[in-house]
């Protein structure tokens, strides 16, 4: 069964999103494009939330977001419990985000990172598994902080 990828952008990432959607489909992934469906100006938090909520609800295996820098999309997606979004600019960081942090969403820059590099980033992200081991305890602490607002307050 093919991995399901939830994909979205804002207006700044629209062109790359369109090309990445086609490329991901060619690679054998099932792509669910959450929009937008034109280059008209939109607010990135709306689209990051659509992907993050879809992923958290089990409608996809991973999320890919594209905006001008990827920064705002990552911040917005991380507000949804269960989401570990990382703003990624290199294939090496993509692999580490998966292996060490069990990231399930990547946020890419459509303005500062070219399409071939973003393809390499996605490839590294999707082909790297979570390493578990010592990293599992750290990811568990991140997950626990979603349900216990005082989680970090008691740490000095």
Protein backbone atom coordinates (compact mmCIF):
# COMPACT_ATOMS: atom_id res chain seq x y z
CA UNK A 1 0.00 0.00 0.00
CA UNK A 2 1.36 3.40 -0.98
CA UNK A 3 2.15 5.99 1.66
CA UNK A 4 -0.45 8.76 1.81
CA UNK A 5 0.94 12.30 1.69
CA UNK A 6 -1.10 15.33 2.77
CA UNK A 7 0.15 18.34 0.82
CA UNK A 8 -0.59 22.07 1.04
CA UNK A 9 1.00 25.46 0.50
CA UNK A 10 0.28 29.13 0.61
CA UNK A 11 0.53 31.42 -2.41
CA UNK A 12 4.33 31.67 -2.10
CA UNK A 13 4.72 27.90 -2.26
CA UNK A 14 1.93 27.21 -4.74
CA UNK A 15 4.09 26.67 -7.84
CA UNK A 16 6.40 24.21 -6.10
CA UNK A 17 3.45 22.45 -4.44
CA UNK A 18 1.91 21.79 -7.84
CA UNK A 19 5.16 20.36 -9.16
CA UNK A 20 5.82 18.35 -6.00
CA UNK A 21 2.31 16.89 -6.11
CA UNK A 22 2.89 15.60 -9.63
CA UNK A 23 6.37 14.29 -8.75
CA UNK A 24 5.15 12.52 -5.59
CA UNK A 25 2.41 10.81 -7.59
CA UNK A 26 5.00 9.70 -10.14
CA UNK A 27 7.05 8.22 -7.28
CA UNK A 28 4.07 6.05 -6.30
CA UNK A 29 2.75 8.03 -3.33
CA UNK A 30 -0.94 8.75 -2.84
CA UNK A 31 -1.22 12.55 -2.66
CA UNK A 32 -4.08 14.46 -1.06
CA UNK A 33 -3.76 18.13 -2.07
CA UNK A 34 -5.35 20.29 0.62
CA UNK A 35 -4.87 23.45 -1.45
CA UNK A 36 -4.83 26.16 -2.32
CA UNK A 37 -5.85 25.60 -5.91
CA UNK A 38 -4.64 28.91 -7.32
CA UNK A 39 -1.84 31.44 -6.75
CA UNK A 40 -4.27 33.84 -5.10
CA UNK A 41 -3.05 35.18 -1.75
CA UNK A 42 -4.00 32.99 1.21
CA UNK A 43 -3.05 32.69 4.88
CA UNK A 44 -0.57 29.88 5.53
CA UNK A 45 -1.92 28.92 9.00
CA UNK A 46 -5.22 27.83 7.41
CA UNK A 47 -3.50 25.36 5.08
CA UNK A 48 -1.00 24.12 7.65
CA UNK A 49 -3.94 23.36 9.95
CA UNK A 50 -5.77 21.42 7.23
CA UNK A 51 -2.78 19.14 6.66
CA UNK A 52 -1.97 18.79 10.37
CA UNK A 53 -5.56 17.96 11.34
CA UNK A 54 -5.87 15.52 8.45
CA UNK A 55 -2.67 13.78 9.50
CA UNK A 56 -3.68 13.73 13.18
CA UNK A 57 -7.01 12.17 12.16
CA UNK A 58 -5.21 9.38 10.31
CA UNK A 59 -6.07 10.54 6.80
CA UNK A 60 -2.40 10.57 5.77
CA UNK A 61 0.93 9.05 6.79
CA UNK A 62 3.01 12.22 6.37
CA UNK A 63 2.51 15.90 5.59
CA UNK A 64 4.39 18.21 3.25
CA UNK A 65 3.90 21.97 3.49
CA UNK A 66 5.38 24.67 1.25
CA UNK A 67 5.38 28.40 1.92
CA UNK A 68 7.87 31.20 1.37
CA UNK A 69 10.30 29.99 4.03
CA UNK A 70 8.58 26.99 5.62
CA UNK A 71 8.91 28.63 9.03
CA UNK A 72 5.33 29.83 9.49
CA UNK A 73 3.88 26.57 8.20
CA UNK A 74 5.94 24.55 10.70
CA UNK A 75 4.91 26.78 13.59
CA UNK A 76 1.23 26.55 12.66
CA UNK A 77 1.27 22.78 12.08
CA UNK A 78 2.93 22.16 15.45
CA UNK A 79 -0.10 23.61 17.24
CA UNK A 80 -2.03 20.42 16.41
CA UNK A 81 -1.50 17.61 18.94
CA UNK A 82 0.38 14.67 17.48
CA UNK A 83 2.17 16.75 14.88
CA UNK A 84 5.94 17.05 14.83
CA UNK A 85 6.64 19.45 11.99
CA UNK A 86 10.13 20.54 11.06
CA UNK A 87 11.23 23.37 8.80
CA UNK A 88 13.74 21.65 6.54
CA UNK A 89 16.27 23.13 4.10
CA UNK A 90 18.64 20.20 3.43
CA UNK A 91 18.25 16.48 2.80
CA UNK A 92 20.53 15.79 5.78
CA UNK A 93 18.23 17.72 8.13
CA UNK A 94 15.23 15.85 6.68
CA UNK A 95 16.79 12.49 7.53
CA UNK A 96 17.69 13.64 11.04
CA UNK A 97 14.19 15.05 11.62
CA UNK A 98 12.77 11.59 10.89
CA UNK A 99 15.47 9.51 12.58
CA UNK A 100 15.85 11.54 15.79
CA UNK A 101 12.55 13.42 16.16
CA UNK A 102 10.04 11.15 14.39
CA UNK A 103 8.88 14.21 12.44
CA UNK A 104 5.68 13.53 10.53
CA UNK A 105 5.42 16.85 8.65
CA UNK A 106 8.05 18.80 6.76
CA UNK A 107 7.71 22.46 5.94
CA UNK A 108 9.67 23.56 2.88
CA UNK A 109 10.74 26.90 1.46
CA UNK A 110 9.37 27.67 -1.98
CA UNK A 111 11.33 30.92 -2.22
CA UNK A 112 14.80 30.06 -0.93
CA UNK A 113 15.14 26.37 -1.81
CA UNK A 114 14.92 25.22 -5.42
CA UNK A 115 12.64 22.44 -6.62
CA UNK A 116 15.37 19.82 -7.19
CA UNK A 117 16.63 20.30 -3.62
CA UNK A 118 13.11 20.12 -2.19
CA UNK A 119 12.63 16.82 -4.05
CA UNK A 120 15.82 15.49 -2.44
CA UNK A 121 14.58 16.71 0.95
CA UNK A 122 11.25 14.92 0.55
CA UNK A 123 12.99 11.76 -0.66
CA UNK A 124 15.29 11.72 2.38
CA UNK A 125 12.36 12.44 4.70
CA UNK A 126 10.14 9.68 3.34
CA UNK A 127 12.90 7.09 3.06
CA UNK A 128 14.24 7.52 6.60
CA UNK A 129 12.73 5.65 9.52
CA UNK A 130 12.48 6.77 13.12
CA UNK A 131 15.53 5.46 14.98
CA UNK A 132 13.76 4.76 18.26
CA UNK A 133 16.13 3.88 21.09
CA UNK A 134 17.35 6.92 23.01
CA UNK A 135 15.28 9.13 20.72
CA UNK A 136 12.01 7.44 21.68
CA UNK A 137 12.15 8.76 25.25
CA UNK A 138 12.70 12.30 24.00
CA UNK A 139 9.83 12.09 21.52
CA UNK A 140 7.65 10.69 24.32
CA UNK A 141 8.43 13.80 26.39
CA UNK A 142 7.35 16.00 23.48
CA UNK A 143 4.12 14.03 23.15
CA UNK A 144 3.49 14.22 26.90
CA UNK A 145 3.83 18.00 26.80
CA UNK A 146 0.79 18.15 24.52
CA UNK A 147 -1.48 16.85 27.28
CA UNK A 148 0.23 18.24 30.35
CA UNK A 149 0.53 22.01 30.14
CA UNK A 150 2.76 22.04 33.21
CA UNK A 151 5.18 19.45 31.79
CA UNK A 152 8.02 21.91 31.34
CA UNK A 153 7.05 24.13 34.28
CA UNK A 154 8.33 21.60 36.81
CA UNK A 155 11.71 21.33 35.08
CA UNK A 156 14.35 23.68 36.41
